[in-house]
N, C-alpha and C. Protein backbone atom coordinates (compact mmCIF):
# COMPACT_ATOMS: atom_id res chain seq x y z
N MET A 1 48.11 -17.81 -61.84
CA MET A 1 48.66 -18.73 -60.89
C MET A 1 50.11 -19.04 -61.27
N ILE A 2 50.99 -19.06 -60.28
CA ILE A 2 52.40 -19.34 -60.50
C ILE A 2 52.67 -20.80 -60.16
N TYR A 3 53.34 -21.49 -61.07
CA TYR A 3 53.68 -22.89 -60.87
C TYR A 3 55.17 -23.02 -60.66
N GLN A 4 55.52 -24.05 -59.93
CA GLN A 4 56.92 -24.30 -59.63
C GLN A 4 57.22 -25.77 -59.90
N VAL A 5 58.32 -26.03 -60.56
CA VAL A 5 58.77 -27.40 -60.77
C VAL A 5 59.74 -27.70 -59.65
N ILE A 6 59.40 -28.68 -58.83
CA ILE A 6 60.24 -29.04 -57.70
C ILE A 6 61.00 -30.31 -58.07
N ILE A 7 62.30 -30.20 -58.07
CA ILE A 7 63.15 -31.32 -58.43
C ILE A 7 63.97 -31.70 -57.21
N PRO A 8 63.72 -32.90 -56.67
CA PRO A 8 64.50 -33.32 -55.50
C PRO A 8 65.99 -33.40 -55.82
N GLU A 9 66.81 -33.03 -54.88
CA GLU A 9 68.27 -33.05 -55.07
C GLU A 9 68.76 -34.43 -55.48
N SER A 10 68.12 -35.46 -54.96
CA SER A 10 68.53 -36.84 -55.27
C SER A 10 68.35 -37.18 -56.75
N LEU A 11 67.48 -36.46 -57.43
CA LEU A 11 67.25 -36.73 -58.85
C LEU A 11 68.50 -36.45 -59.68
N TYR A 12 69.28 -35.47 -59.27
CA TYR A 12 70.48 -35.13 -60.03
C TYR A 12 71.50 -36.27 -60.02
N ASP A 13 71.58 -36.99 -58.89
CA ASP A 13 72.46 -38.17 -58.84
C ASP A 13 71.97 -39.24 -59.81
N GLU A 14 70.67 -39.43 -59.86
CA GLU A 14 70.09 -40.42 -60.78
C GLU A 14 70.30 -40.01 -62.23
N LEU A 15 70.11 -38.73 -62.54
CA LEU A 15 70.34 -38.25 -63.90
C LEU A 15 71.79 -38.47 -64.32
N LYS A 16 72.71 -38.22 -63.42
CA LYS A 16 74.12 -38.43 -63.72
C LYS A 16 74.39 -39.91 -63.98
N GLU A 17 73.83 -40.77 -63.14
CA GLU A 17 74.03 -42.21 -63.29
C GLU A 17 73.48 -42.71 -64.63
N VAL A 18 72.28 -42.28 -64.97
CA VAL A 18 71.67 -42.70 -66.24
C VAL A 18 72.46 -42.15 -67.42
N SER A 19 72.88 -40.90 -67.31
CA SER A 19 73.67 -40.28 -68.38
C SER A 19 74.98 -41.05 -68.59
N GLU A 20 75.63 -41.42 -67.52
CA GLU A 20 76.88 -42.19 -67.64
C GLU A 20 76.63 -43.56 -68.28
N TYR A 21 75.51 -44.17 -67.92
CA TYR A 21 75.16 -45.47 -68.52
C TYR A 21 74.97 -45.31 -70.03
N TYR A 22 74.18 -44.31 -70.44
CA TYR A 22 73.96 -44.09 -71.87
C TYR A 22 75.26 -43.77 -72.60
N GLU A 23 76.10 -42.99 -71.94
CA GLU A 23 77.37 -42.61 -72.54
C GLU A 23 78.26 -43.84 -72.75
N SER A 24 78.14 -44.83 -71.86
CA SER A 24 78.94 -46.06 -72.00
C SER A 24 78.45 -46.90 -73.18
N LYS A 25 77.22 -46.68 -73.60
CA LYS A 25 76.65 -47.43 -74.73
C LYS A 25 76.95 -46.77 -76.07
N GLU A 26 76.99 -45.43 -76.06
CA GLU A 26 77.23 -44.71 -77.31
C GLU A 26 77.73 -43.30 -76.98
N VAL A 27 78.76 -42.87 -77.68
CA VAL A 27 79.34 -41.55 -77.47
C VAL A 27 78.27 -40.47 -77.70
N ASN A 28 78.19 -39.53 -76.77
CA ASN A 28 77.25 -38.39 -76.79
C ASN A 28 75.80 -38.75 -76.49
N LEU A 29 75.50 -40.03 -76.26
CA LEU A 29 74.12 -40.40 -75.92
C LEU A 29 73.74 -39.89 -74.54
N GLY A 30 74.70 -39.91 -73.61
CA GLY A 30 74.44 -39.37 -72.27
C GLY A 30 74.17 -37.88 -72.32
N LEU A 31 74.95 -37.17 -73.12
CA LEU A 31 74.74 -35.73 -73.28
C LEU A 31 73.38 -35.45 -73.91
N THR A 32 73.03 -36.23 -74.91
CA THR A 32 71.73 -36.07 -75.56
C THR A 32 70.60 -36.29 -74.57
N PHE A 33 70.74 -37.29 -73.71
CA PHE A 33 69.73 -37.55 -72.68
C PHE A 33 69.55 -36.34 -71.77
N ILE A 34 70.67 -35.79 -71.29
CA ILE A 34 70.60 -34.63 -70.38
C ILE A 34 69.99 -33.42 -71.09
N LEU A 35 70.39 -33.17 -72.32
CA LEU A 35 69.83 -32.03 -73.06
C LEU A 35 68.33 -32.20 -73.29
N ASN A 36 67.89 -33.41 -73.60
CA ASN A 36 66.46 -33.66 -73.78
C ASN A 36 65.70 -33.46 -72.48
N TRP A 37 66.28 -33.90 -71.37
CA TRP A 37 65.64 -33.72 -70.06
C TRP A 37 65.52 -32.22 -69.74
N GLU A 38 66.59 -31.47 -69.99
CA GLU A 38 66.55 -30.03 -69.74
C GLU A 38 65.51 -29.33 -70.62
N ASN A 39 65.42 -29.74 -71.87
CA ASN A 39 64.41 -29.17 -72.78
C ASN A 39 63.00 -29.49 -72.29
N ALA A 40 62.80 -30.70 -71.79
CA ALA A 40 61.48 -31.08 -71.27
C ALA A 40 61.12 -30.24 -70.05
N MET A 41 62.09 -29.97 -69.18
CA MET A 41 61.84 -29.13 -68.00
C MET A 41 61.53 -27.70 -68.42
N ASP A 42 62.23 -27.19 -69.42
CA ASP A 42 61.94 -25.84 -69.92
C ASP A 42 60.53 -25.76 -70.50
N GLU A 43 60.15 -26.79 -71.25
CA GLU A 43 58.80 -26.83 -71.83
C GLU A 43 57.74 -26.89 -70.73
N LEU A 44 58.00 -27.65 -69.70
CA LEU A 44 57.07 -27.75 -68.58
C LEU A 44 56.90 -26.40 -67.90
N LYS A 45 57.99 -25.67 -67.74
CA LYS A 45 57.92 -24.34 -67.12
C LYS A 45 57.15 -23.36 -68.00
N ARG A 46 57.31 -23.47 -69.32
CA ARG A 46 56.62 -22.55 -70.24
C ARG A 46 55.13 -22.87 -70.37
N ASN A 47 54.77 -24.14 -70.32
CA ASN A 47 53.38 -24.56 -70.54
C ASN A 47 52.92 -25.55 -69.47
N PRO A 48 52.85 -25.13 -68.23
CA PRO A 48 52.55 -26.08 -67.15
C PRO A 48 51.16 -26.70 -67.24
N LEU A 49 50.21 -25.99 -67.84
CA LEU A 49 48.85 -26.52 -67.90
C LEU A 49 48.67 -27.54 -69.03
N HIS A 50 49.69 -27.71 -69.83
CA HIS A 50 49.64 -28.67 -70.94
C HIS A 50 49.83 -30.10 -70.44
N TYR A 51 50.31 -30.24 -69.20
CA TYR A 51 50.66 -31.54 -68.65
C TYR A 51 49.82 -31.86 -67.42
N GLN A 52 49.68 -33.13 -67.15
CA GLN A 52 48.94 -33.58 -65.99
C GLN A 52 49.80 -33.43 -64.74
N LYS A 53 49.19 -32.96 -63.66
CA LYS A 53 49.91 -32.82 -62.40
C LYS A 53 50.08 -34.19 -61.77
N LYS A 54 51.30 -34.49 -61.36
CA LYS A 54 51.60 -35.74 -60.68
C LYS A 54 52.21 -35.42 -59.33
N VAL A 55 51.88 -36.23 -58.35
CA VAL A 55 52.47 -36.07 -57.03
C VAL A 55 53.38 -37.25 -56.79
N SER A 56 54.62 -36.95 -56.50
CA SER A 56 55.61 -38.00 -56.24
C SER A 56 55.34 -38.63 -54.89
N SER A 57 55.70 -39.89 -54.75
CA SER A 57 55.57 -40.55 -53.45
C SER A 57 56.47 -39.87 -52.42
N LEU A 58 57.48 -39.13 -52.89
CA LEU A 58 58.36 -38.40 -51.98
C LEU A 58 57.64 -37.25 -51.31
N GLU A 59 56.57 -36.77 -51.93
CA GLU A 59 55.82 -35.63 -51.38
C GLU A 59 54.74 -36.07 -50.41
N LEU A 60 54.42 -37.33 -50.38
CA LEU A 60 53.33 -37.82 -49.52
C LEU A 60 53.72 -37.92 -48.08
């Protein structure tokens, strides 16, 4: 079975906003946040059955 991670376009605006907030608190914290998020998405793609399936309210 092939799985797909669907990321709404609006999420990227939120990620940028959160990253900028973290960066305002500590240098490179925003970058660290983004890198951790990207690593989590890569892990999800490699091992999709390791995680519980969630349906966003956006999909309903």
